[in-house]
Structures are given as C-alpha cells and as structure tokens.
C-alpha atoms as a PDB file:
ATOM      1  CA  MET A   1      41.687  66.008  55.165  1.00  0.00           C
ATOM      2  CA  GLY A   2      44.920  67.270  54.844  1.00  0.00           C
ATOM      3  CA  TRP A   3      48.798  67.272  56.578  1.00  0.00           C
ATOM      4  CA  THR A   4      50.868  69.980  57.639  1.00  0.00           C
ATOM      5  CA  ASP A   5      54.324  70.231  59.039  1.00  0.00           C
ATOM      6  CA  TRP A   6      56.046  66.803  57.216  1.00  0.00           C
ATOM      7  CA  ASP A   7      59.164  66.661  59.339  1.00  0.00           C
ATOM      8  CA  LEU A   8      60.842  63.798  57.302  1.00  0.00           C
ATOM      9  CA  LYS A   9      63.994  63.848  60.058  1.00  0.00           C
ATOM     10  CA  SER A  10      61.480  63.270  63.047  1.00  0.00           C
ATOM     11  CA  ALA A  11      59.466  60.957  60.670  1.00  0.00           C
ATOM     12  CA  THR A  12      55.928  63.416  61.907  1.00  0.00           C
ATOM     13  CA  ALA A  13      53.532  65.573  60.647  1.00  0.00           C
ATOM     14  CA  CYS A  14      50.804  67.232  61.963  1.00  0.00           C
ATOM     15  CA  PHE A  15      47.336  66.032  60.544  1.00  0.00           C
ATOM     16  CA  GLY A  16      43.513  68.393  60.562  1.00  0.00           C
ATOM     17  CA  ARG A  17      41.082  69.661  58.658  1.00  0.00           C
ATOM     18  CA  LEU A  18      38.837  66.333  57.662  1.00  0.00           C
ATOM     19  CA  SER A  19      36.165  68.266  55.832  1.00  0.00           C
ATOM     20  CA  VAL A  20      32.816  66.411  55.647  1.00  0.00           C
ATOM     21  CA  ASP A  21      30.173  66.425  52.890  1.00  0.00           C
ATOM     22  CA  LEU A  22      26.437  66.315  55.387  1.00  0.00           C
ATOM     23  CA  GLN A  23      24.459  66.314  52.696  1.00  0.00           C
ATOM     24  CA  ALA A  24      25.773  63.385  50.173  1.00  0.00           C
ATOM     25  CA  ILE A  25      26.638  60.940  53.673  1.00  0.00           C
ATOM     26  CA  ARG A  26      22.889  61.157  54.743  1.00  0.00           C
ATOM     27  CA  LYS A  27      21.810  60.012  51.475  1.00  0.00           C
ATOM     28  CA  VAL A  28      23.350  56.529  51.571  1.00  0.00           C
ATOM     29  CA  LYS A  29      23.337  57.196  55.436  1.00  0.00           C
ATOM     30  CA  ASP A  30      20.625  53.831  55.334  1.00  0.00           C
ATOM     31  CA  LYS A  31      22.947  51.619  53.065  1.00  0.00           C
ATOM     32  CA  PHE A  32      26.000  52.002  56.024  1.00  0.00           C
ATOM     33  CA  PRO A  33      25.991  49.049  58.437  1.00  0.00           C
ATOM     34  CA  LYS A  34      24.664  49.063  61.569  1.00  0.00           C
ATOM     35  CA  ASP A  35      27.659  49.032  63.560  1.00  0.00           C
ATOM     36  CA  TYR A  36      29.282  51.049  61.286  1.00  0.00           C
ATOM     37  CA  ILE A  37      32.050  53.848  63.305  1.00  0.00           C
ATOM     38  CA  GLY A  38      31.058  56.940  61.296  1.00  0.00           C
ATOM     39  CA  VAL A  39      32.770  58.490  58.212  1.00  0.00           C
ATOM     40  CA  ALA A  40      35.309  60.568  60.056  1.00  0.00           C
ATOM     41  CA  VAL A  41      36.622  57.577  62.259  1.00  0.00           C
ATOM     42  CA  ASP A  42      36.838  55.720  59.228  1.00  0.00           C
ATOM     43  CA  ALA A  43      38.711  58.697  57.741  1.00  0.00           C
ATOM     44  CA  GLY A  44      41.029  59.180  60.049  1.00  0.00           C
ATOM     45  CA  THR A  45      41.474  55.586  60.782  1.00  0.00           C
ATOM     46  CA  ALA A  46      42.625  55.240  56.874  1.00  0.00           C
ATOM     47  CA  VAL A  47      45.414  58.225  57.198  1.00  0.00           C
ATOM     48  CA  ARG A  48      46.281  57.158  60.567  1.00  0.00           C
ATOM     49  CA  ASP A  49      46.861  53.700  58.942  1.00  0.00           C
ATOM     50  CA  PHE A  50      48.600  55.360  55.928  1.00  0.00           C
ATOM     51  CA  ALA A  51      50.681  57.710  57.699  1.00  0.00           C
ATOM     52  CA  MET A  52      52.470  55.135  59.899  1.00  0.00           C
ATOM     53  CA  ILE A  53      52.623  52.540  56.496  1.00  0.00           C
ATOM     54  CA  ASN A  54      53.604  54.093  53.395  1.00  0.00           C
ATOM     55  CA  MET A  55      54.620  57.147  55.071  1.00  0.00           C
ATOM     56  CA  LYS A  56      57.118  55.297  57.973  1.00  0.00           C
ATOM     57  CA  LEU A  57      56.336  57.643  60.665  1.00  0.00           C
ATOM     58  CA  ASN A  58      57.103  57.563  64.465  1.00  0.00           C
ATOM     59  CA  ALA A  59      54.532  59.756  64.951  1.00  0.00           C
ATOM     60  CA  ILE A  60      50.774  61.902  64.632  1.00  0.00           C
ATOM     61  CA  GLU A  61      50.027  64.888  65.371  1.00  0.00           C
ATOM     62  CA  THR A  62      47.289  67.094  65.563  1.00  0.00           C
ATOM     63  CA  PHE A  63      45.245  69.903  67.486  1.00  0.00           C
ATOM     64  CA  LEU A  64      41.911  71.257  68.138  1.00  0.00           C
ATOM     65  CA  PHE A  65      39.927  74.107  69.254  1.00  0.00           C
ATOM     66  CA  THR A  66      38.996  73.380  73.080  1.00  0.00           C
ATOM     67  CA  THR A  67      35.446  73.464  71.685  1.00  0.00           C
ATOM     68  CA  ASN A  68      35.609  71.732  69.235  1.00  0.00           C
ATOM     69  CA  LEU A  69      34.118  68.341  70.579  1.00  0.00           C
ATOM     70  CA  LYS A  70      33.129  65.791  67.857  1.00  0.00           C
ATOM     71  CA  ALA A  71      36.961  66.401  66.627  1.00  0.00           C
ATOM     72  CA  LYS A  72      38.505  65.994  70.007  1.00  0.00           C
ATOM     73  CA  LEU A  73      36.946  62.502  70.135  1.00  0.00           C
ATOM     74  CA  VAL A  74      37.712  61.281  66.401  1.00  0.00           C
ATOM     75  CA  ASN A  75      40.703  61.187  67.323  1.00  0.00           C
ATOM     76  CA  GLU A  76      39.984  59.660  70.760  1.00  0.00           C
ATOM     77  CA  ALA A  77      38.204  57.162  68.802  1.00  0.00           C
ATOM     78  CA  ILE A  78      41.766  56.388  66.358  1.00  0.00           C
ATOM     79  CA  GLY A  79      44.228  56.485  69.116  1.00  0.00           C
ATOM     80  CA  LEU A  80      45.395  59.962  69.650  1.00  0.00           C
ATOM     81  CA  LYS A  81      46.468  61.177  73.364  1.00  0.00           C
ATOM     82  CA  GLU A  82      45.408  64.524  74.683  1.00  0.00           C
ATOM     83  CA  VAL A  83      49.449  66.125  74.937  1.00  0.00           C
ATOM     84  CA  GLY A  84      49.052  69.893  76.720  1.00  0.00           C
ATOM     85  CA  ARG A  85      47.273  72.562  76.025  1.00  0.00           C
ATOM     86  CA  ILE A  86      48.041  76.011  74.540  1.00  0.00           C
ATOM     87  CA  PHE A  87      47.188  79.141  72.885  1.00  0.00           C
ATOM     88  CA  ARG A  88      46.991  80.158  69.222  1.00  0.00           C
ATOM     89  CA  SER A  89      46.849  83.108  67.263  1.00  0.00           C
ATOM     90  CA  LYS A  90      43.972  82.630  64.571  1.00  0.00           C
ATOM     91  CA  SER A  91      44.247  84.339  60.966  1.00  0.00           C
ATOM     92  CA  ASP A  92      42.283  87.289  62.168  1.00  0.00           C
ATOM     93  CA  GLY A  93      45.048  87.667  65.008  1.00  0.00           C
ATOM     94  CA  THR A  94      41.978  86.786  67.733  1.00  0.00           C
ATOM     95  CA  LYS A  95      43.335  83.884  70.602  1.00  0.00           C
ATOM     96  CA  VAL A  96      42.184  80.775  70.778  1.00  0.00           C
ATOM     97  CA  GLU A  97      42.760  77.658  73.079  1.00  0.00           C
ATOM     98  CA  THR A  98      43.396  73.889  71.650  1.00  0.00           C
ATOM     99  CA  ILE A  99      43.763  70.642  72.860  1.00  0.00           C
ATOM    100  CA  GLU A 100      46.939  69.480  71.703  1.00  0.00           C
ATOM    101  CA  MET A 101      46.812  65.675  70.572  1.00  0.00           C
ATOM    102  CA  ARG A 102      49.330  62.813  69.384  1.00  0.00           C
ATOM    103  CA  LEU A 103      49.944  58.936  68.407  1.00  0.00           C
ATOM    104  CA  THR A 104      53.146  57.616  68.217  1.00  0.00           C
ATOM    105  CA  ARG A 105      54.699  54.351  66.403  1.00  0.00           C
ATOM    106  CA  ASN A 106      54.743  51.829  69.029  1.00  0.00           C
ATOM    107  CA  GLU A 107      51.054  53.106  70.682  1.00  0.00           C
ATOM    108  CA  TRP A 108      49.596  52.208  67.038  1.00  0.00           C
ATOM    109  CA  GLU A 109      51.647  49.130  67.173  1.00  0.00           C
ATOM    110  CA  LEU A 110      50.376  47.890  70.448  1.00  0.00           C
ATOM    111  CA  GLN A 111      46.338  49.393  68.846  1.00  0.00           C
ATOM    112  CA  LYS A 112      46.609  46.423  66.086  1.00  0.00           C
ATOM    113  CA  THR A 113      47.829  43.545  68.747  1.00  0.00           C
ATOM    114  CA  LYS A 114      44.380  44.557  71.156  1.00  0.00           C
ATOM    115  CA  LYS A 115      42.474  43.790  67.420  1.00  0.00           C
END
C-alpha cells in the first residue's frame, strides 16, 4: 500500500494501490482464525492507524474506480466514506469515473470509542 500527496500543512495524505499476493494467501488461508477480517481490511486498518498515530494526519483520502467494488468495500470497512465522484484521466488518456473517499481524525477517534 502506498500514499501520494502527503500534505504536511493540512495533515492529509491520499492512500491507495493495495497489492495482495493471492497465491501466498491461499497457501496459509486455513491458518487464519474463522472470524478473520481479511488481509485487505487488516492491511488497511494497520495503515489507517499508522497514518493517524504516527503521521499525525487530520484526514485520510483515497479514490478508486467506480467499477472496483471490492476496494470500495475495504475502504468502507476501515471507516472511509464516499464524499464525491469525479472523472479522471488514465495514463492512456481515457476518462474513468472515480469515487472519492475520506476519513477524518474525528471520525477515526469516534470509531475507536465504539469498540
């Protein structure tokens, strides 16, 4: 997972590009607890908490293609909410609609108190 646009002044960063090695996961999947939240949500949660605690962010942002429903579900599972949709240009020049998502520090802190 990586980030772009880390703005120190506004204390925000845009995260994305989660890569998961499905072959490696399949080899150890039977060792996961039955109630395991999944590798993507686990990784997203770890990065979210690292960003809030160590990077001292006020907000986490991301965007994803509207067709990537798994990514939307992962982001929602860790607390991000859809805040808008815009069209972006891909590297080949084609336009694609994206979902903009965000989690503020206040929302994150509220999540922690509910647990």
